[in-house]
Amino acid sequence: MRVLHVVTLVSDDGAYGGPTSVATGQLEECVARGHEVSLVSLWRGGSRPPGRIGSVPLRTRPARRLLPGRFTGLMHPLLVGDLWRATGKADVVHIHAGRDLVSLTALAVTVLRRKRFLTQTHGMVEPRRAAAVRLFDRLYVPLLRRARGCLVLTEREQRAVAEVVGPHGPPLLVLPNGVRPQGGGGTDRRHGGHPQVIFLARLHPRKRPEAFVELAALVHRRFPEARFALYGADEGSLPLVRQLIFDLGLQDIVTYGGALQHAEAVRAYATAAVYVLPSVDEPFPMTVLEALSSGTPVVCTDTCGIADELARRGAAMVTDGSRQALADAVCELLGDENKRQALVKEGHRAVAEAFSIHAVADRLETFYRHL
């Protein structure tokens, strides 16, 4: 099959996060299964865009801000022609659809081309009451309803999308995110004798990077040798993070390493003693799956979309999200090697059985064939 995916943004700092990682992961697995694939997107970065991401051919245009909003108003006029040509050649069109101009354009082009298509919303399409959103939805929702299926991550997202598209929407098909099992999980993960605890996500209020700094202060009292690093693109929280580091006297304990490209992120997971994601209401965090796949113990909150599954399997330390609970979980892992290794083992098993890209691609191929 000739498979086309459309995602809003590819960037050198990974700013668009999960949807981009999911799209490239799914397409790489499609390539491994013999399909002809392509990815169309906007590009933002300090260098020329790559021609490929791994084994996936990439067609991009520079991102330009035509309307307000972090991603909503990004577009490039020439991307319309790229989408028209790519859609015409495709057997299957798969649109990673948020409420933004790229997604709206991709939906419109695909409908005009009379192509059957799937959408995947990644938790980005929820009921909104703002006037600007209602105006956008007058164009967006009728196109979204033309999909042959809409892929959602969880039952919660299924309910949210159903409310947006109404009774005449497409079938809502639950499809988890998946990662490629990496192995790893050695016992000695120290930098110069210091176990490192990391935060790797956008520095956005919902991700709560300030909670990571505060738990670092609590953990440091019990494990003074531990060091803490935050990685990710700044989306408004970096000034607060830096101020907290200064106020708590953690300048030599907590560092900010900026945004990482995917290969750098994989190395960061592989050398970390613990990965912490303090986010609230995180639909389906790819960073958690990537950490588990790398053999890194995970601490998360009970509002994470896969928290129940991970807790049931004993594959992560699931907390109520308070600073003290997060810190206690990190301390338990730093102080108990048996507990850490048990979490690593069950994390690998969870990836293999529930969150493997191989299992995800099996279901995805079935959906494509029905198109």
Protein backbone atom coordinates (compact mmCIF):
# COMPACT_ATOMS: atom_id res chain seq x y z
CA MET A 1 0.00 0.00 0.00
CA ARG A 2 0.99 3.61 -0.53
CA VAL A 3 0.41 5.23 2.86
CA LEU A 4 0.38 8.99 3.43
CA HIS A 5 0.42 10.54 6.90
CA VAL A 6 -0.08 14.24 7.60
CA VAL A 7 1.03 15.84 10.87
CA THR A 8 1.05 19.54 11.68
CA LEU A 9 4.68 20.13 12.64
CA VAL A 10 8.08 18.49 12.64
CA SER A 11 10.77 20.50 14.41
CA ASP A 12 14.30 20.13 15.70
CA ASP A 13 13.13 20.69 19.27
CA GLY A 14 10.26 18.18 19.21
CA ALA A 15 7.77 20.93 20.10
CA TYR A 16 4.72 19.15 18.65
CA GLY A 17 5.50 16.14 20.80
CA GLY A 18 3.43 12.97 20.71
CA PRO A 19 1.60 13.28 17.35
CA THR A 20 4.88 13.61 15.46
CA SER A 21 6.51 10.72 17.33
CA VAL A 22 3.46 8.54 16.78
CA ALA A 23 3.25 9.33 13.07
CA THR A 24 6.92 8.56 12.43
CA GLY A 25 6.80 5.42 14.57
CA GLN A 26 3.76 4.07 12.73
CA LEU A 27 5.27 4.85 9.34
CA GLU A 28 8.63 3.27 10.17
CA GLU A 29 6.81 0.07 11.05
CA CYS A 30 4.83 0.31 7.79
CA VAL A 31 8.12 0.59 5.88
CA ALA A 32 9.41 -2.52 7.67
CA ARG A 33 6.29 -4.34 6.45
CA GLY A 34 6.91 -3.39 2.83
CA HIS A 35 4.56 -0.44 2.40
CA GLU A 36 5.48 2.72 0.49
CA VAL A 37 5.09 5.66 2.86
CA SER A 38 5.42 9.44 3.03
CA LEU A 39 4.93 12.11 5.68
CA VAL A 40 3.81 15.68 4.88
CA SER A 41 4.27 18.38 7.50
CA LEU A 42 5.45 21.88 8.28
CA TRP A 43 9.04 22.30 9.47
CA ARG A 44 10.47 24.58 12.14
CA GLY A 45 14.12 24.60 13.11
CA GLY A 46 17.49 26.26 12.94
CA SER A 47 18.68 24.11 10.04
CA ARG A 48 17.38 22.72 6.77
CA PRO A 49 14.68 20.09 7.24
CA PRO A 50 15.79 16.48 6.87
CA GLY A 51 14.69 14.59 3.80
CA ARG A 52 13.87 11.61 6.00
CA ILE A 53 13.10 10.75 9.57
CA GLY A 54 14.66 7.36 9.94
CA SER A 55 13.27 5.36 7.03
CA VAL A 56 10.33 7.74 6.45
CA PRO A 57 10.47 10.21 3.51
CA LEU A 58 9.53 13.69 4.70
CA ARG A 59 8.01 16.53 2.65
CA THR A 60 7.90 19.86 4.45
CA ARG A 61 7.46 23.61 4.09
CA PRO A 62 8.67 26.24 6.57
CA ALA A 63 6.10 26.95 9.26
CA ARG A 64 4.61 30.44 9.07
CA ARG A 65 2.25 31.90 11.64
CA LEU A 66 -0.86 33.04 9.79
CA LEU A 67 -3.20 33.11 12.80
CA PRO A 68 -2.68 33.41 16.60
CA GLY A 69 -2.06 30.30 18.66
CA ARG A 70 0.84 28.01 19.42
CA PHE A 71 0.13 25.59 16.56
CA THR A 72 -3.35 26.57 15.38
CA GLY A 73 -2.28 29.27 12.95
CA LEU A 74 0.84 27.63 11.49
CA MET A 75 0.72 27.11 7.74
CA HIS A 76 2.56 27.64 4.44
CA PRO A 77 0.62 28.33 1.21
CA LEU A 78 2.72 25.89 -0.84
CA LEU A 79 1.84 23.04 1.52
CA VAL A 80 -1.59 22.96 -0.14
CA GLY A 81 -0.03 21.83 -3.42
CA ASP A 82 2.15 19.29 -1.63
CA LEU A 83 -0.91 17.81 0.02
CA TRP A 84 -2.84 17.75 -3.25
CA ARG A 85 -0.11 15.84 -5.06
CA ALA A 86 0.69 13.46 -2.20
CA THR A 87 -2.98 12.66 -1.57
CA GLY A 88 -3.53 11.88 -5.25
CA LYS A 89 -0.82 9.19 -5.15
CA ALA A 90 -1.88 7.59 -1.86
CA ASP A 91 -3.95 4.46 -1.32
CA VAL A 92 -4.46 5.39 2.33
CA VAL A 93 -4.50 8.84 3.93
CA HIS A 94 -4.01 9.11 7.70
CA ILE A 95 -4.37 12.62 9.18
CA HIS A 96 -3.11 13.36 12.69
CA ALA A 97 -5.78 15.98 13.20
CA GLY A 98 -5.78 18.77 15.73
CA ARG A 99 -7.70 22.02 15.54
CA ASP A 100 -5.24 23.84 13.27
CA LEU A 101 -4.85 25.11 9.72
CA VAL A 102 -2.69 22.20 8.54
CA SER A 103 -5.23 19.63 9.71
CA LEU A 104 -8.12 21.64 8.25
CA THR A 105 -6.32 21.91 4.91
CA ALA A 106 -5.41 18.22 4.85
CA LEU A 107 -9.01 17.24 5.57
CA ALA A 108 -10.36 19.56 2.86
CA VAL A 109 -7.85 18.37 0.24
CA THR A 110 -8.52 14.71 1.00
CA VAL A 111 -12.28 15.20 0.73
CA LEU A 112 -11.90 17.11 -2.56
CA ARG A 113 -9.65 14.32 -3.85
CA ARG A 114 -12.41 11.84 -2.96
CA LYS A 115 -9.99 9.74 -0.94
CA ARG A 116 -10.99 7.57 1.97
CA PHE A 117 -9.11 8.52 5.09
CA LEU A 118 -8.60 7.97 8.80
CA THR A 119 -8.03 10.64 11.42
CA GLN A 120 -6.20 10.36 14.73
CA THR A 121 -6.82 13.12 17.26
CA HIS A 122 -4.26 12.43 20.04
CA GLY A 123 -6.42 14.03 22.72
CA MET A 124 -6.42 17.34 20.82
CA VAL A 125 -10.12 17.44 19.89
CA GLU A 126 -12.27 18.10 22.94
CA PRO A 127 -15.41 20.17 23.50
CA ARG A 128 -14.58 23.89 23.61
CA ARG A 129 -16.93 26.82 24.11
CA ALA A 130 -14.76 29.74 22.99
CA ALA A 131 -16.22 31.77 20.12
CA ALA A 132 -13.11 31.34 17.95
CA VAL A 133 -13.24 27.55 18.37
CA ARG A 134 -16.94 27.40 17.52
CA LEU A 135 -16.26 29.43 14.37
CA PHE A 136 -13.35 27.14 13.38
CA ASP A 137 -15.46 24.05 14.05
CA ARG A 138 -18.08 25.18 11.53
CA LEU A 139 -15.54 24.26 8.86
CA TYR A 140 -13.55 21.63 10.73
CA VAL A 141 -16.18 19.31 12.19
CA PRO A 142 -18.09 18.58 8.93
CA LEU A 143 -14.79 17.52 7.36
CA LEU A 144 -13.87 15.42 10.39
CA ARG A 145 -17.19 13.61 10.03
CA ARG A 146 -16.19 12.49 6.51
CA ALA A 147 -13.45 10.23 7.87
CA ARG A 148 -13.99 6.46 7.59
CA GLY A 149 -12.75 6.15 11.16
CA CYS A 150 -11.26 8.26 13.91
CA LEU A 151 -8.53 6.70 16.02
CA VAL A 152 -8.62 7.61 19.72
CA LEU A 153 -6.34 6.67 22.57
CA THR A 154 -8.69 6.06 25.49
CA GLU A 155 -12.36 5.77 26.37
CA ARG A 156 -12.17 9.29 27.80
CA GLU A 157 -11.00 10.64 24.44
CA GLN A 158 -13.66 8.57 22.72
CA ARG A 159 -16.35 10.37 24.75
CA ALA A 160 -14.82 13.78 24.07
CA VAL A 161 -14.56 13.29 20.29
CA ALA A 162 -18.09 11.86 20.18
CA GLU A 163 -19.39 15.04 21.81
CA VAL A 164 -17.59 17.19 19.21
CA VAL A 165 -18.60 15.27 16.06
CA GLY A 166 -22.08 14.32 17.21
CA PRO A 167 -24.19 11.31 16.21
CA HIS A 168 -23.24 11.54 12.53
CA GLY A 169 -19.52 11.22 13.13
CA PRO A 170 -17.25 8.39 11.98
CA PRO A 171 -16.67 5.19 13.96
CA LEU A 172 -14.37 5.89 16.91
CA LEU A 173 -11.68 3.22 17.04
CA VAL A 174 -9.47 2.82 20.10
CA LEU A 175 -5.80 2.50 19.14
CA PRO A 176 -3.05 2.93 21.75
CA ASN A 177 0.29 4.49 21.01
CA GLY A 178 3.19 2.11 20.59
CA VAL A 179 6.96 2.10 20.83
CA ARG A 180 9.67 -0.20 19.59
CA PRO A 181 11.10 -2.28 22.47
CA GLN A 182 14.67 -1.16 23.17
CA GLY A 183 15.90 -3.44 25.95
CA GLY A 184 18.29 -1.94 28.49
CA GLY A 185 17.85 -1.50 32.21
CA GLY A 186 21.33 -2.03 33.59
CA THR A 187 21.82 -1.40 37.29
CA ASP A 188 24.58 1.23 37.10
CA ARG A 189 23.08 4.45 35.76
CA ARG A 190 25.28 7.13 37.26
CA HIS A 191 26.90 10.29 35.91
CA GLY A 192 30.22 10.78 37.66
CA GLY A 193 28.92 8.75 40.60
CA HIS A 194 25.58 10.61 40.71
CA PRO A 195 22.27 8.89 39.91
CA GLN A 196 20.32 11.17 37.58
CA VAL A 197 16.58 11.81 37.71
CA ILE A 198 15.12 13.39 34.58
CA PHE A 199 12.07 15.29 33.36
CA LEU A 200 11.66 15.13 29.56
CA ALA A 201 8.63 16.97 28.22
CA ARG A 202 7.55 20.42 27.09
CA LEU A 203 8.02 23.06 29.79
CA HIS A 204 4.31 23.86 29.86
CA PRO A 205 2.10 24.46 32.93
CA ARG A 206 0.17 21.20 32.34
CA LYS A 207 3.43 19.25 32.47
CA ARG A 208 4.24 20.83 35.88
CA PRO A 209 8.03 21.18 35.53
CA GLU A 210 8.01 23.33 38.67
CA ALA A 211 6.78 20.28 40.61
CA PHE A 212 9.86 18.42 39.37
CA VAL A 213 12.12 21.15 40.80
CA GLU A 214 10.29 21.05 44.13
CA LEU A 215 10.49 17.26 44.38
CA ALA A 216 14.21 17.57 43.59
CA ALA A 217 14.63 19.67 46.71
CA LEU A 218 12.84 17.03 48.79
CA VAL A 219 14.78 14.10 47.32
CA HIS A 220 18.11 15.92 47.69
CA ARG A 221 17.70 16.02 51.46
CA ARG A 222 17.66 12.21 51.58
CA PHE A 223 19.92 11.49 48.59
CA PRO A 224 22.41 14.36 48.35
CA GLU A 225 24.34 12.55 45.63
CA ALA A 226 21.34 12.60 43.23
CA ARG A 227 21.25 15.05 40.35
CA PHE A 228 18.23 16.28 38.37
CA ALA A 229 17.86 17.42 34.75
CA LEU A 230 14.96 18.93 32.83
CA TYR A 231 14.82 18.58 29.04
CA GLY A 232 12.24 20.01 26.66
CA ALA A 233 11.17 23.04 24.68
CA ASP A 234 10.09 26.01 26.76
CA GLU A 235 6.38 26.76 26.46
CA GLY A 236 6.08 29.34 29.19
CA SER A 237 7.33 27.63 32.35
CA LEU A 238 11.11 28.09 32.03
CA PRO A 239 11.27 31.44 33.91
CA LEU A 240 9.41 29.90 36.87
CA VAL A 241 11.66 26.83 36.77
CA ARG A 242 14.80 28.94 36.83
CA GLN A 243 13.48 31.12 39.62
CA LEU A 244 12.61 28.07 41.72
CA ILE A 245 16.05 26.57 41.18
CA PHE A 246 17.59 29.83 42.44
CA ASP A 247 15.16 30.28 45.36
CA LEU A 248 15.70 26.70 46.56
CA GLY A 249 19.48 26.91 46.20
CA LEU A 250 19.62 24.04 43.69
CA GLN A 251 21.91 25.59 41.07
CA ASP A 252 24.42 22.73 41.40
CA ILE A 253 21.72 20.07 41.71
CA VAL A 254 19.11 20.83 39.02
CA THR A 255 19.99 21.71 35.41
CA TYR A 256 18.03 22.60 32.28
CA GLY A 257 19.36 20.93 29.14
CA GLY A 258 17.02 22.46 26.54
CA ALA A 259 15.08 20.59 23.89
CA LEU A 260 16.43 17.25 22.64
CA GLN A 261 16.14 15.59 19.29
CA HIS A 262 14.76 12.07 19.41
CA ALA A 263 18.11 10.27 19.34
CA GLU A 264 19.36 12.49 22.16
CA ALA A 265 16.19 11.82 24.15
CA VAL A 266 16.68 8.06 23.78
CA ARG A 267 20.21 8.43 25.19
CA ALA A 268 18.89 10.52 28.08
CA TYR A 269 16.36 7.83 29.02
CA ALA A 270 18.96 5.10 28.70
CA THR A 271 21.32 6.73 31.21
CA ALA A 272 18.75 7.98 33.73
CA ALA A 273 18.08 6.27 37.05
CA VAL A 274 14.45 7.50 37.15
CA TYR A 275 12.11 9.31 34.76
CA VAL A 276 9.44 11.56 36.32
CA LEU A 277 6.39 12.96 34.52
CA PRO A 278 4.39 15.15 36.95
CA SER A 279 1.75 16.03 34.30
CA VAL A 280 -1.94 16.14 35.08
CA ASP A 281 -4.58 14.85 32.65
CA GLU A 282 -1.96 13.52 30.23
CA PRO A 283 -3.95 11.53 27.63
CA PHE A 284 -1.31 9.01 26.52
CA PRO A 285 2.30 10.07 27.16
CA MET A 286 4.78 8.77 24.61
CA THR A 287 7.62 9.84 26.91
CA VAL A 288 6.47 7.32 29.52
CA LEU A 289 6.42 4.52 26.94
CA GLU A 290 9.84 5.51 25.62
CA ALA A 291 11.27 5.50 29.15
CA LEU A 292 9.76 2.09 29.89
CA SER A 293 11.14 0.76 26.62
CA SER A 294 14.60 2.04 27.55
CA GLY A 295 14.51 0.22 30.88
CA THR A 296 14.08 3.39 32.93
CA PRO A 297 11.78 3.28 35.98
CA VAL A 298 8.89 5.72 35.68
CA VAL A 299 7.13 7.89 38.26
CA CYS A 300 3.87 9.48 37.06
CA THR A 301 0.51 10.73 38.35
CA ASP A 302 -2.81 8.92 38.59
CA THR A 303 -4.37 11.24 35.96
CA CYS A 304 -2.03 9.90 33.28
CA GLY A 305 -4.15 8.12 30.67
CA ILE A 306 -2.30 4.79 31.08
CA ALA A 307 -1.75 5.03 34.84
CA ASP A 308 -4.30 2.34 35.71
CA GLU A 309 -2.76 -0.15 33.29
CA LEU A 310 0.77 0.57 34.52
CA ALA A 311 -0.27 0.34 38.18
CA ARG A 312 -2.12 -2.93 37.58
CA ARG A 313 0.98 -4.39 35.98
CA GLY A 314 3.38 -2.99 38.56
CA ALA A 315 5.20 -1.27 35.68
CA ALA A 316 5.44 2.26 37.14
CA MET A 317 5.19 4.17 40.40
CA VAL A 318 1.80 5.88 40.18
CA THR A 319 1.23 8.74 42.65
CA ASP A 320 -1.47 11.27 43.49
CA GLY A 321 0.70 13.96 41.89
CA SER A 322 1.63 15.83 45.07
CA ARG A 323 5.23 16.95 45.42
CA GLN A 324 5.72 14.78 48.48
CA ALA A 325 4.27 11.66 46.86
CA LEU A 326 6.40 12.14 43.75
CA ALA A 327 9.50 12.65 45.90
CA ASP A 328 8.73 9.59 48.04
CA ALA A 329 8.41 7.44 44.91
CA VAL A 330 11.74 8.69 43.55
CA CYS A 331 13.42 8.05 46.91
CA GLU A 332 12.04 4.53 47.02
CA LEU A 333 13.53 3.78 43.62
CA LEU A 334 16.89 5.35 44.41
CA GLY A 335 17.11 3.43 47.66
CA ASP A 336 15.80 0.00 46.64
CA GLU A 337 17.57 -1.69 43.73
CA ASN A 338 15.24 -4.70 43.88
CA LYS A 339 12.22 -2.43 43.48
CA ARG A 340 13.91 -0.62 40.60
CA GLN A 341 14.70 -3.86 38.77
CA ALA A 342 11.17 -5.19 39.30
CA LEU A 343 9.79 -2.02 37.74
CA VAL A 344 12.19 -2.32 34.81
CA LYS A 345 11.14 -5.93 34.20
CA GLU A 346 7.41 -5.17 34.30
CA GLY A 347 7.90 -2.03 32.21
CA HIS A 348 9.51 -4.09 29.46
CA ARG A 349 6.68 -6.61 29.70
CA ALA A 350 4.04 -3.86 29.47
CA VAL A 351 5.67 -2.47 26.33
CA ALA A 352 5.91 -5.90 24.72
CA GLU A 353 2.36 -6.99 25.55
CA ALA A 354 0.32 -3.77 25.45
CA PHE A 355 2.26 -0.90 23.94
CA SER A 356 4.47 -2.42 21.24
CA ILE A 357 4.48 -0.70 17.85
CA HIS A 358 4.23 -4.18 16.31
CA ALA A 359 0.84 -4.82 17.93
CA VAL A 360 -0.33 -1.30 17.07
CA ALA A 361 0.71 -1.72 13.43
CA ASP A 362 -1.17 -5.03 13.18
CA ARG A 363 -4.39 -3.22 14.03
CA LEU A 364 -3.49 -0.23 11.86
CA GLU A 365 -2.97 -2.45 8.82
CA THR A 366 -6.41 -3.95 9.41
CA PHE A 367 -7.95 -0.47 9.44
CA TYR A 368 -6.07 0.47 6.25
CA ARG A 369 -7.23 -2.64 4.42
CA HIS A 370 -10.83 -1.84 5.29
CA LEU A 371 -10.33 1.54 3.62
